[in-house]
């Protein structure tokens, strides 16, 4: 109980300094990613507060919880009945500072706990990044940075790079790693997006899992191409629909040194998702 309290305090400490009336949003979403022999079903809850501090600084704090259920074809994986439910709690804290009219510096700190059922300090991991954004023209920006991220399935340091261009008030494009996006809005209520992202996650196992070898964590990653549609149904309420496909989908068990000890040989599959957001 003491360990859970301390971990929760780390996640929430930055939230208490922000006021609810300063740009608040809450999102609940579900998605399914079925493959030939394994189905992945995930539920996400995110709370985001944002606050401007003076004219040059901005703080954004996101608290999120996700639950992932992994359903196996019994005839293929009879001994994996205890390797299904995965949980993640995270607190994403971002500080943005405007250096000049053309340049901005930002730092992101993300403590996370990725676990099955029992939460303790061994499930605690810190991710984050540092980036620099420069406005090349009135419509073009470049963002260069580096961070420790789980985009490839387990924590790893990697470069972050993107180039964005704003065609007009209705259309924009973002090209980079790990995320790319083309957005178009035909009116004030509709936003259509074509996205491509490298995304993944990992989860510490409650016990070392025995499959001829010992495994201490589960790792999942893929490249997802998707079409998304967001509809502003009311002043503060939004609906989001997502349909896409996962390429190069990987689901592995790793040892304590992040070496692969078991490969589920997961096939690629489609992605379907729906979400509802409240924003003020």
Protein backbone atom coordinates (compact mmCIF):
# COMPACT_ATOMS: atom_id res chain seq x y z
CA UNK A 1 0.00 0.00 0.00
CA UNK A 2 2.82 2.41 0.81
CA UNK A 3 4.49 1.73 -2.56
CA UNK A 4 1.24 2.42 -4.42
CA UNK A 5 0.76 5.70 -2.57
CA UNK A 6 4.29 6.91 -3.39
CA UNK A 7 4.01 5.98 -7.06
CA UNK A 8 0.62 7.69 -7.31
CA UNK A 9 2.07 10.82 -5.72
CA UNK A 10 4.79 10.98 -8.40
CA UNK A 11 2.17 10.73 -11.15
CA UNK A 12 -0.17 13.36 -9.74
CA UNK A 13 2.15 15.92 -8.13
CA UNK A 14 2.29 18.19 -11.17
CA UNK A 15 -1.50 18.09 -11.63
CA UNK A 16 -2.25 19.89 -8.38
CA UNK A 17 -0.62 23.12 -9.53
CA UNK A 18 -2.99 23.48 -12.50
CA UNK A 19 -6.51 24.90 -12.34
CA UNK A 20 -9.37 23.04 -14.01
CA UNK A 21 -10.57 26.14 -15.83
CA UNK A 22 -7.25 26.39 -17.70
CA UNK A 23 -7.94 24.37 -20.88
CA UNK A 24 -9.18 21.01 -19.63
CA UNK A 25 -10.07 17.91 -21.64
CA UNK A 26 -11.12 14.35 -20.80
CA UNK A 27 -11.11 11.48 -23.29
CA UNK A 28 -12.35 7.90 -23.15
CA UNK A 29 -11.54 5.63 -26.09
CA UNK A 30 -11.58 1.97 -27.04
CA UNK A 31 -9.88 0.15 -29.90
CA UNK A 32 -9.54 -3.38 -31.19
CA UNK A 33 -6.63 -4.86 -33.14
CA UNK A 34 -7.48 -8.42 -34.21
CA UNK A 35 -4.87 -10.62 -35.88
CA UNK A 36 -5.09 -14.18 -37.15
CA UNK A 37 -4.43 -15.88 -33.78
CA UNK A 38 -4.36 -13.06 -31.18
CA UNK A 39 -6.78 -10.18 -30.56
CA UNK A 40 -5.75 -6.99 -28.74
CA UNK A 41 -8.51 -4.88 -27.12
CA UNK A 42 -7.58 -1.65 -25.33
CA UNK A 43 -9.43 0.97 -23.27
CA UNK A 44 -7.88 4.39 -22.56
CA UNK A 45 -8.80 7.23 -20.20
CA UNK A 46 -6.91 10.54 -20.43
CA UNK A 47 -7.22 13.80 -18.46
CA UNK A 48 -5.30 16.82 -19.76
CA UNK A 49 -4.75 20.23 -18.15
CA UNK A 50 -2.93 23.08 -19.87
CA UNK A 51 -1.91 26.46 -18.49
CA UNK A 52 -0.02 29.45 -19.84
CA UNK A 53 2.52 30.96 -17.47
CA UNK A 54 3.19 34.45 -18.64
CA UNK A 55 3.52 35.15 -22.35
CA UNK A 56 6.39 32.73 -23.09
CA UNK A 57 5.78 29.57 -21.04
CA UNK A 58 3.17 26.84 -21.13
CA UNK A 59 2.65 23.75 -18.98
CA UNK A 60 0.63 20.72 -20.10
CA UNK A 61 -0.10 17.78 -17.81
CA UNK A 62 -1.70 14.52 -18.94
CA UNK A 63 -2.78 11.76 -16.60
CA UNK A 64 -3.70 8.54 -18.35
CA UNK A 65 -4.76 4.99 -17.64
CA UNK A 66 -5.03 2.14 -20.15
CA UNK A 67 -6.09 -1.49 -19.92
CA UNK A 68 -5.08 -4.01 -22.57
CA UNK A 69 -6.73 -7.42 -22.91
CA UNK A 70 -4.91 -9.98 -25.04
CA UNK A 71 -7.11 -12.84 -26.24
CA UNK A 72 -5.35 -15.92 -27.61
CA UNK A 73 -6.57 -18.74 -29.82
CA UNK A 74 -6.68 -21.48 -27.19
CA UNK A 75 -5.47 -24.28 -29.48
CA UNK A 76 -2.33 -22.31 -30.24
CA UNK A 77 -1.47 -20.89 -26.82
CA UNK A 78 -3.03 -23.16 -24.21
CA UNK A 79 -0.49 -22.22 -21.51
CA UNK A 80 -1.01 -18.43 -21.78
CA UNK A 81 -4.25 -18.05 -19.84
CA UNK A 82 -2.46 -15.88 -17.24
CA UNK A 83 -0.79 -13.63 -19.82
CA UNK A 84 -3.73 -11.50 -20.89
CA UNK A 85 -4.54 -8.43 -18.76
CA UNK A 86 -2.03 -5.52 -18.96
CA UNK A 87 -2.28 -2.07 -17.32
CA UNK A 88 -0.49 1.25 -17.65
CA UNK A 89 -0.63 4.43 -15.54
CA UNK A 90 1.27 7.48 -16.77
CA UNK A 91 1.68 11.16 -16.08
CA UNK A 92 3.01 13.21 -19.00
CA UNK A 93 4.33 16.62 -17.95
CA UNK A 94 5.48 19.04 -20.68
CA UNK A 95 7.12 22.43 -20.27
CA UNK A 96 7.30 24.69 -23.32
CA UNK A 97 9.33 27.91 -23.47
CA UNK A 98 9.29 30.43 -26.30
CA UNK A 99 12.86 31.57 -26.92
CA UNK A 100 11.99 34.00 -29.70
CA UNK A 101 9.27 34.61 -32.26
CA UNK A 102 10.69 31.78 -34.38
CA UNK A 103 12.08 29.29 -31.88
CA UNK A 104 10.61 27.21 -29.03
CA UNK A 105 12.18 24.77 -26.58
CA UNK A 106 10.28 22.01 -24.83
CA UNK A 107 10.96 19.24 -22.30
CA UNK A 108 8.71 16.25 -21.56
CA UNK A 109 8.86 14.10 -18.40
CA UNK A 110 6.80 10.87 -18.38
CA UNK A 111 6.82 8.62 -15.33
CA UNK A 112 4.91 5.40 -16.07
CA UNK A 113 3.94 2.17 -14.35
CA UNK A 114 3.38 -0.77 -16.72
CA UNK A 115 2.15 -3.89 -14.98
CA UNK A 116 -0.22 -6.87 -15.00
CA UNK A 117 -2.14 -6.94 -11.70
CA UNK A 118 0.32 -6.23 -8.89
CA UNK A 119 1.83 -2.73 -8.85
CA UNK A 120 5.22 -2.14 -7.20
CA UNK A 121 8.44 -0.16 -7.76
CA UNK A 122 9.81 -2.65 -10.30
CA UNK A 123 7.01 -1.54 -12.68
CA UNK A 124 8.09 2.12 -12.50
CA UNK A 125 9.85 3.60 -15.58
CA UNK A 126 10.70 7.16 -16.62
CA UNK A 127 10.42 8.23 -20.26
CA UNK A 128 10.77 11.69 -21.76
CA UNK A 129 12.27 13.92 -24.40
CA UNK A 130 13.85 17.28 -25.16
CA UNK A 131 13.08 19.13 -28.39
CA UNK A 132 13.70 22.36 -30.27
CA UNK A 133 11.19 23.81 -32.73
CA UNK A 134 12.15 26.45 -35.30
CA UNK A 135 9.84 28.35 -37.65
CA UNK A 136 11.48 28.35 -41.10
CA UNK A 137 8.71 30.42 -42.70
CA UNK A 138 5.27 31.66 -41.64
CA UNK A 139 3.88 28.23 -42.63
CA UNK A 140 6.77 25.83 -42.09
CA UNK A 141 8.26 24.50 -38.82
CA UNK A 142 10.94 21.95 -38.07
CA UNK A 143 11.17 20.05 -34.79
CA UNK A 144 14.39 18.29 -33.73
CA UNK A 145 14.88 16.38 -30.52
CA UNK A 146 15.76 13.18 -28.74
CA UNK A 147 14.02 11.10 -26.14
CA UNK A 148 13.63 7.87 -24.26
CA UNK A 149 10.49 6.29 -25.68
CA UNK A 150 8.73 2.93 -26.01
CA UNK A 151 7.69 3.50 -29.64
CA UNK A 152 9.59 0.33 -30.64
CA UNK A 153 8.19 -1.77 -27.82
CA UNK A 154 10.55 -1.14 -24.89
CA UNK A 155 12.36 1.93 -23.49
CA UNK A 156 15.06 3.13 -25.85
CA UNK A 157 16.81 6.41 -26.65
CA UNK A 158 16.19 7.60 -30.20
CA UNK A 159 16.10 10.79 -32.29
CA UNK A 160 12.81 12.63 -32.88
CA UNK A 161 12.31 14.66 -36.04
CA UNK A 162 9.37 16.29 -37.81
CA UNK A 163 8.62 18.92 -40.45
CA UNK A 164 5.20 20.58 -40.50
CA UNK A 165 3.56 22.78 -43.13
CA UNK A 166 0.29 24.72 -42.82
CA UNK A 167 -1.28 25.05 -46.27
CA UNK A 168 -4.15 27.20 -44.97
CA UNK A 169 -6.60 27.31 -42.07
CA UNK A 170 -8.15 24.03 -43.24
CA UNK A 171 -5.20 21.82 -44.23
CA UNK A 172 -1.81 20.90 -42.78
CA UNK A 173 0.81 18.16 -43.03
CA UNK A 174 3.31 16.75 -40.52
CA UNK A 175 6.10 14.46 -41.70
CA UNK A 176 8.49 12.81 -39.26
CA UNK A 177 9.36 10.06 -36.81
CA UNK A 178 7.61 8.56 -34.94
CA UNK A 179 4.45 10.33 -36.17
CA UNK A 180 3.24 11.71 -39.49
CA UNK A 181 -0.14 13.28 -40.20
CA UNK A 182 -2.17 14.98 -42.93
CA UNK A 183 -5.22 16.91 -41.68
CA UNK A 184 -8.12 18.58 -43.46
CA UNK A 185 -11.19 20.37 -42.12
CA UNK A 186 -14.11 21.17 -44.41
CA UNK A 187 -15.91 23.19 -41.71
CA UNK A 188 -15.71 24.09 -38.03
CA UNK A 189 -17.15 20.73 -36.92
CA UNK A 190 -15.24 18.15 -38.97
CA UNK A 191 -11.57 17.16 -39.04
CA UNK A 192 -10.28 14.37 -41.29
CA UNK A 193 -6.78 12.99 -40.71
CA UNK A 194 -4.54 10.43 -42.37
CA UNK A 195 -1.93 9.28 -39.84
CA UNK A 196 1.11 7.03 -39.81
CA UNK A 197 2.81 6.26 -36.50
CA UNK A 198 5.41 3.96 -34.99
CA UNK A 199 3.94 2.98 -31.64
CA UNK A 200 4.44 0.37 -28.97
CA UNK A 201 4.48 -0.42 -25.29
CA UNK A 202 5.80 -2.88 -22.74
CA UNK A 203 4.50 -4.42 -19.52
CA UNK A 204 6.33 -5.91 -16.56
CA UNK A 205 5.09 -9.43 -15.78
CA UNK A 206 3.98 -10.29 -12.25
CA UNK A 207 6.11 -13.43 -12.30
CA UNK A 208 8.84 -14.58 -14.62
CA UNK A 209 6.92 -16.44 -17.29
CA UNK A 210 8.11 -19.94 -18.12
CA UNK A 211 8.10 -20.84 -21.81
CA UNK A 212 11.29 -22.94 -21.90
CA UNK A 213 12.99 -19.64 -20.97
CA UNK A 214 12.32 -16.97 -18.33
CA UNK A 215 10.60 -13.75 -19.43
CA UNK A 216 10.18 -10.63 -17.29
CA UNK A 217 8.23 -8.34 -19.65
CA UNK A 218 5.90 -8.35 -22.66
CA UNK A 219 6.71 -6.04 -25.57
CA UNK A 220 4.38 -4.92 -28.38
CA UNK A 221 5.06 -2.65 -31.35
CA UNK A 222 3.76 -1.87 -34.83
CA UNK A 223 3.51 0.78 -37.52
CA UNK A 224 -0.09 1.96 -37.81
CA UNK A 225 -1.57 3.70 -40.86
CA UNK A 226 -5.08 5.01 -40.18
CA UNK A 227 -7.84 7.32 -41.29
CA UNK A 228 -9.39 9.34 -38.44
CA UNK A 229 -12.49 11.50 -38.28
CA UNK A 230 -13.32 13.89 -35.44
CA UNK A 231 -16.77 15.43 -35.12
CA UNK A 232 -17.64 18.36 -32.87
CA UNK A 233 -21.17 17.28 -31.89
CA UNK A 234 -21.70 20.04 -29.34
CA UNK A 235 -19.86 23.06 -27.94
CA UNK A 236 -17.66 20.94 -25.65
CA UNK A 237 -18.18 17.37 -26.91
CA UNK A 238 -16.28 15.56 -29.66
CA UNK A 239 -16.48 12.07 -31.21
CA UNK A 240 -13.49 10.39 -32.83
CA UNK A 241 -13.54 7.40 -35.21
CA UNK A 242 -10.45 5.53 -36.36
CA UNK A 243 -9.91 2.79 -38.96
CA UNK A 244 -6.53 1.56 -40.10
CA UNK A 245 -4.03 -1.25 -40.43
CA UNK A 246 -1.04 -2.43 -38.38
CA UNK A 247 2.14 -3.27 -40.29
CA UNK A 248 5.16 -5.14 -38.93
CA UNK A 249 3.25 -5.99 -35.75
CA UNK A 250 5.45 -7.59 -33.10
CA UNK A 251 4.53 -9.23 -29.80
CA UNK A 252 7.49 -10.63 -27.89
CA UNK A 253 8.51 -11.69 -24.41
CA UNK A 254 11.77 -10.17 -23.16
CA UNK A 255 14.19 -10.95 -20.35
CA UNK A 256 15.43 -8.38 -17.83
CA UNK A 257 18.08 -7.15 -20.34
CA UNK A 258 15.45 -6.60 -23.10
CA UNK A 259 16.63 -9.62 -25.08
CA UNK A 260 13.88 -11.44 -26.98
CA UNK A 261 13.21 -14.88 -25.51
CA UNK A 262 9.88 -15.69 -27.18
CA UNK A 263 8.24 -14.48 -30.41
CA UNK A 264 4.49 -14.91 -30.89
CA UNK A 265 4.93 -14.37 -34.66
CA UNK A 266 1.92 -12.05 -34.66
CA UNK A 267 0.39 -11.41 -38.07
CA UNK A 268 -0.57 -7.92 -39.24
CA UNK A 269 -4.17 -6.83 -38.75
CA UNK A 270 -6.64 -3.97 -38.95
CA UNK A 271 -7.41 -1.37 -36.26
CA UNK A 272 -10.82 0.00 -35.30
CA UNK A 273 -11.34 2.64 -32.62
CA UNK A 274 -13.88 5.07 -31.23
CA UNK A 275 -13.52 7.80 -28.61
CA UNK A 276 -15.47 10.57 -26.90
CA UNK A 277 -13.86 13.78 -25.63
CA UNK A 278 -14.98 16.65 -23.43
CA UNK A 279 -13.01 19.85 -23.93
CA UNK A 280 -13.22 23.35 -22.50
